[in-house]
Amino acid sequence: MENEKCDLVHENGVKEKNLEVIDGYTIKYHANGKTIWSKGKMVDDKPEGYWEWYRADGTLKRSGYFEKGEPVGEWITYDSKGEKYKTTDRGK
């Protein structure tokens, strides 16, 4: 299992979210450092395949697919209880 931690600060002073890479999945964390903000795979520094985003309370917020860094197909937004709220077709 590969485990890589980063704590980047951009030129404008904005702190990048803490992240780690586990079994090929990039996992970014909310500011609290405990709750997952997003997770998915990166290929050539671009998101690829299925990704999920979460709220600070841990409920699922959004999910969708990337192809070479571009959103494709069906994207789902979830309400505050983690229930399916809206579906958007991003095409291909």
N, C-alpha and C. Protein backbone atom coordinates (compact mmCIF):
# COMPACT_ATOMS: atom_id res chain seq x y z
N MET A 1 0.85 -1.18 0.00
CA MET A 1 0.00 0.00 0.00
C MET A 1 0.89 1.23 0.00
N GLU A 2 0.62 2.13 -0.94
CA GLU A 2 1.37 3.38 -1.04
C GLU A 2 0.67 4.46 -0.23
N ASN A 3 1.40 5.20 0.55
CA ASN A 3 0.80 6.24 1.39
C ASN A 3 1.65 7.49 1.28
N GLU A 4 1.08 8.54 0.66
CA GLU A 4 1.82 9.77 0.43
C GLU A 4 1.02 10.94 1.00
N LYS A 5 1.63 11.74 1.88
CA LYS A 5 0.93 12.88 2.47
C LYS A 5 1.52 14.17 1.95
N CYS A 6 0.65 15.14 1.68
CA CYS A 6 1.09 16.45 1.19
C CYS A 6 0.37 17.54 1.96
N ASP A 7 1.01 18.67 2.10
CA ASP A 7 0.39 19.85 2.70
C ASP A 7 0.93 21.05 1.94
N LEU A 8 0.34 21.32 0.76
CA LEU A 8 0.83 22.35 -0.13
C LEU A 8 0.18 23.69 0.15
N VAL A 9 0.96 24.75 -0.02
CA VAL A 9 0.42 26.11 0.08
C VAL A 9 0.70 26.78 -1.26
N HIS A 10 -0.37 27.27 -1.91
CA HIS A 10 -0.24 27.93 -3.20
C HIS A 10 0.37 29.31 -3.03
N GLU A 11 0.82 29.90 -4.16
CA GLU A 11 1.44 31.23 -4.14
C GLU A 11 0.53 32.28 -3.48
N ASN A 12 -0.80 32.13 -3.65
CA ASN A 12 -1.73 33.11 -3.08
C ASN A 12 -2.01 32.85 -1.60
N GLY A 13 -1.32 31.87 -1.02
CA GLY A 13 -1.47 31.59 0.41
C GLY A 13 -2.56 30.60 0.76
N VAL A 14 -3.31 30.13 -0.25
CA VAL A 14 -4.37 29.17 0.01
C VAL A 14 -3.76 27.78 0.22
N LYS A 15 -4.15 27.16 1.31
CA LYS A 15 -3.61 25.85 1.66
C LYS A 15 -4.35 24.75 0.90
N GLU A 16 -3.59 23.88 0.26
CA GLU A 16 -4.16 22.73 -0.44
C GLU A 16 -4.67 21.73 0.58
N LYS A 17 -5.73 21.01 0.23
CA LYS A 17 -6.27 20.00 1.15
C LYS A 17 -5.24 18.89 1.37
N ASN A 18 -5.17 18.40 2.61
CA ASN A 18 -4.30 17.26 2.90
C ASN A 18 -4.77 16.09 2.07
N LEU A 19 -3.81 15.31 1.58
CA LEU A 19 -4.18 14.15 0.78
C LEU A 19 -3.24 13.00 1.07
N GLU A 20 -3.71 11.82 0.70
CA GLU A 20 -2.87 10.64 0.73
C GLU A 20 -3.30 9.75 -0.43
N VAL A 21 -2.37 8.91 -0.88
CA VAL A 21 -2.66 7.98 -1.95
C VAL A 21 -2.59 6.58 -1.36
N ILE A 22 -3.71 5.86 -1.43
CA ILE A 22 -3.79 4.51 -0.88
C ILE A 22 -4.29 3.58 -1.97
N ASP A 23 -3.50 2.57 -2.28
CA ASP A 23 -3.85 1.59 -3.32
C ASP A 23 -4.28 2.26 -4.61
N GLY A 24 -3.62 3.35 -4.99
CA GLY A 24 -3.90 4.04 -6.24
C GLY A 24 -5.01 5.06 -6.18
N TYR A 25 -5.71 5.16 -5.04
CA TYR A 25 -6.79 6.14 -4.89
C TYR A 25 -6.26 7.37 -4.17
N THR A 26 -6.50 8.55 -4.75
CA THR A 26 -6.14 9.80 -4.11
C THR A 26 -7.29 10.20 -3.20
N ILE A 27 -7.00 10.40 -1.94
CA ILE A 27 -8.00 10.77 -0.95
C ILE A 27 -7.62 12.13 -0.37
N LYS A 28 -8.52 13.12 -0.55
CA LYS A 28 -8.30 14.45 0.01
C LYS A 28 -9.24 14.61 1.20
N TYR A 29 -8.79 15.39 2.20
CA TYR A 29 -9.53 15.55 3.44
C TYR A 29 -10.00 16.99 3.65
N HIS A 30 -11.13 17.13 4.33
CA HIS A 30 -11.62 18.45 4.74
C HIS A 30 -10.60 19.08 5.69
N ALA A 31 -10.78 20.36 6.00
CA ALA A 31 -9.86 21.10 6.86
C ALA A 31 -9.66 20.44 8.22
N ASN A 32 -10.66 19.67 8.69
CA ASN A 32 -10.52 19.01 9.99
C ASN A 32 -9.49 17.88 9.95
N GLY A 33 -9.07 17.49 8.74
CA GLY A 33 -8.05 16.46 8.58
C GLY A 33 -8.54 15.05 8.82
N LYS A 34 -9.80 14.87 9.15
CA LYS A 34 -10.33 13.55 9.47
C LYS A 34 -11.38 13.06 8.46
N THR A 35 -12.21 13.99 7.97
CA THR A 35 -13.31 13.61 7.10
C THR A 35 -12.87 13.69 5.64
N ILE A 36 -13.16 12.66 4.87
CA ILE A 36 -12.81 12.63 3.45
C ILE A 36 -13.59 13.70 2.71
N TRP A 37 -12.89 14.47 1.86
CA TRP A 37 -13.51 15.46 1.00
C TRP A 37 -13.77 14.87 -0.38
N SER A 38 -12.79 14.14 -0.92
CA SER A 38 -12.97 13.49 -2.22
C SER A 38 -12.07 12.26 -2.31
N LYS A 39 -12.47 11.35 -3.23
CA LYS A 39 -11.59 10.20 -3.48
C LYS A 39 -11.82 9.69 -4.88
N GLY A 40 -10.73 9.27 -5.51
CA GLY A 40 -10.76 8.73 -6.85
C GLY A 40 -9.34 8.52 -7.34
N LYS A 41 -9.20 8.05 -8.57
CA LYS A 41 -7.88 7.77 -9.13
C LYS A 41 -7.40 8.91 -10.00
N MET A 42 -6.10 9.11 -10.00
CA MET A 42 -5.45 10.11 -10.85
C MET A 42 -4.56 9.37 -11.85
N VAL A 43 -4.59 9.81 -13.11
CA VAL A 43 -3.72 9.27 -14.14
C VAL A 43 -3.09 10.47 -14.85
N ASP A 44 -1.77 10.52 -14.88
CA ASP A 44 -1.05 11.66 -15.47
C ASP A 44 -1.53 12.98 -14.87
N ASP A 45 -1.69 13.03 -13.56
CA ASP A 45 -2.10 14.23 -12.81
C ASP A 45 -3.50 14.73 -13.17
N LYS A 46 -4.34 13.85 -13.72
CA LYS A 46 -5.73 14.19 -14.05
C LYS A 46 -6.66 13.16 -13.43
N PRO A 47 -7.84 13.60 -12.96
CA PRO A 47 -8.79 12.62 -12.43
C PRO A 47 -9.24 11.66 -13.53
N GLU A 48 -9.41 10.40 -13.17
CA GLU A 48 -9.80 9.37 -14.13
C GLU A 48 -10.74 8.38 -13.46
N GLY A 49 -11.80 8.01 -14.17
CA GLY A 49 -12.74 7.03 -13.63
C GLY A 49 -13.69 7.64 -12.62
N TYR A 50 -14.21 6.80 -11.73
CA TYR A 50 -15.24 7.20 -10.77
C TYR A 50 -14.66 7.98 -9.60
N TRP A 51 -15.31 9.12 -9.26
CA TRP A 51 -14.91 9.96 -8.13
C TRP A 51 -16.11 10.25 -7.25
N GLU A 52 -15.85 10.48 -5.96
CA GLU A 52 -16.89 10.87 -5.00
C GLU A 52 -16.40 12.06 -4.19
N TRP A 53 -17.35 12.95 -3.81
CA TRP A 53 -17.09 14.08 -2.92
C TRP A 53 -18.02 13.98 -1.73
N TYR A 54 -17.54 14.41 -0.58
CA TYR A 54 -18.30 14.28 0.67
C TYR A 54 -18.37 15.62 1.39
N ARG A 55 -19.42 15.78 2.17
CA ARG A 55 -19.55 16.95 3.06
C ARG A 55 -18.69 16.71 4.31
N ALA A 56 -18.49 17.77 5.08
CA ALA A 56 -17.68 17.67 6.30
C ALA A 56 -18.27 16.69 7.30
N ASP A 57 -19.61 16.46 7.23
CA ASP A 57 -20.23 15.49 8.16
C ASP A 57 -20.12 14.05 7.67
N GLY A 58 -19.49 13.87 6.50
CA GLY A 58 -19.26 12.52 5.98
C GLY A 58 -20.31 12.03 4.99
N THR A 59 -21.40 12.78 4.78
CA THR A 59 -22.42 12.33 3.82
C THR A 59 -21.93 12.59 2.39
N LEU A 60 -22.33 11.71 1.49
CA LEU A 60 -21.98 11.81 0.08
C LEU A 60 -22.63 13.05 -0.52
N LYS A 61 -21.86 13.85 -1.24
CA LYS A 61 -22.36 15.10 -1.84
C LYS A 61 -22.53 14.97 -3.36
N ARG A 62 -21.55 14.38 -4.03
CA ARG A 62 -21.58 14.28 -5.49
C ARG A 62 -20.74 13.10 -5.94
N SER A 63 -21.12 12.52 -7.07
CA SER A 63 -20.33 11.45 -7.65
C SER A 63 -20.41 11.53 -9.17
N GLY A 64 -19.36 11.09 -9.82
CA GLY A 64 -19.35 11.10 -11.27
C GLY A 64 -18.06 10.52 -11.82
N TYR A 65 -17.98 10.51 -13.14
CA TYR A 65 -16.86 9.90 -13.84
C TYR A 65 -16.05 10.93 -14.61
N PHE A 66 -14.75 10.68 -14.69
CA PHE A 66 -13.84 11.49 -15.49
C PHE A 66 -13.20 10.61 -16.56
N GLU A 67 -12.93 11.23 -17.70
CA GLU A 67 -12.16 10.59 -18.76
C GLU A 67 -11.09 11.58 -19.19
N LYS A 68 -9.83 11.24 -18.92
CA LYS A 68 -8.69 12.13 -19.22
C LYS A 68 -8.88 13.51 -18.61
N GLY A 69 -9.39 13.56 -17.38
CA GLY A 69 -9.54 14.81 -16.65
C GLY A 69 -10.82 15.57 -16.92
N GLU A 70 -11.64 15.10 -17.84
CA GLU A 70 -12.89 15.77 -18.18
C GLU A 70 -14.09 14.99 -17.64
N PRO A 71 -15.07 15.70 -17.04
CA PRO A 71 -16.27 15.00 -16.55
C PRO A 71 -17.08 14.43 -17.71
N VAL A 72 -17.52 13.18 -17.57
CA VAL A 72 -18.32 12.52 -18.61
C VAL A 72 -19.45 11.74 -17.96
N GLY A 73 -20.47 11.45 -18.76
CA GLY A 73 -21.55 10.58 -18.31
C GLY A 73 -22.43 11.19 -17.24
N GLU A 74 -23.03 10.31 -16.45
CA GLU A 74 -23.99 10.71 -15.43
C GLU A 74 -23.29 11.16 -14.16
N TRP A 75 -23.64 12.36 -13.69
CA TRP A 75 -23.15 12.91 -12.43
C TRP A 75 -24.34 13.05 -11.49
N ILE A 76 -24.17 12.60 -10.26
CA ILE A 76 -25.26 12.62 -9.29
C ILE A 76 -24.91 13.55 -8.14
N THR A 77 -25.86 14.41 -7.78
CA THR A 77 -25.75 15.27 -6.60
C THR A 77 -26.69 14.70 -5.55
N TYR A 78 -26.22 14.66 -4.30
CA TYR A 78 -26.98 14.08 -3.19
C TYR A 78 -27.38 15.18 -2.21
N ASP A 79 -28.53 15.00 -1.56
CA ASP A 79 -28.98 15.97 -0.56
C ASP A 79 -28.20 15.79 0.74
N SER A 80 -28.53 16.58 1.74
CA SER A 80 -27.79 16.56 3.01
C SER A 80 -27.90 15.24 3.77
N LYS A 81 -28.86 14.39 3.38
CA LYS A 81 -28.99 13.07 4.01
C LYS A 81 -28.28 11.99 3.20
N GLY A 82 -27.67 12.40 2.08
CA GLY A 82 -26.96 11.44 1.22
C GLY A 82 -27.88 10.74 0.24
N GLU A 83 -29.11 11.26 0.08
CA GLU A 83 -30.06 10.68 -0.86
C GLU A 83 -29.91 11.36 -2.23
N LYS A 84 -30.13 10.61 -3.30
CA LYS A 84 -30.02 11.14 -4.65
C LYS A 84 -30.97 12.33 -4.82
N TYR A 85 -30.41 13.47 -5.27
CA TYR A 85 -31.17 14.71 -5.39
C TYR A 85 -31.33 15.13 -6.86
N LYS A 86 -30.24 15.04 -7.62
CA LYS A 86 -30.25 15.51 -9.00
C LYS A 86 -29.25 14.71 -9.82
N THR A 87 -29.62 14.44 -11.09
CA THR A 87 -28.72 13.76 -12.01
C THR A 87 -28.46 14.68 -13.21
N THR A 88 -27.21 14.79 -13.60
CA THR A 88 -26.81 15.61 -14.72
C THR A 88 -26.04 14.76 -15.71
N ASP A 89 -26.38 14.85 -17.00
CA ASP A 89 -25.66 14.11 -18.03
C ASP A 89 -24.58 15.02 -18.61
N ARG A 90 -23.32 14.65 -18.39
CA ARG A 90 -22.20 15.46 -18.87
C ARG A 90 -21.75 15.05 -20.27
N GLY A 91 -22.47 14.12 -20.89
CA GLY A 91 -22.12 13.68 -22.23
C GLY A 91 -20.85 12.87 -22.25
N LYS A 92 -20.30 12.70 -23.42
CA LYS A 92 -19.05 11.95 -23.55
C LYS A 92 -18.13 12.59 -24.54
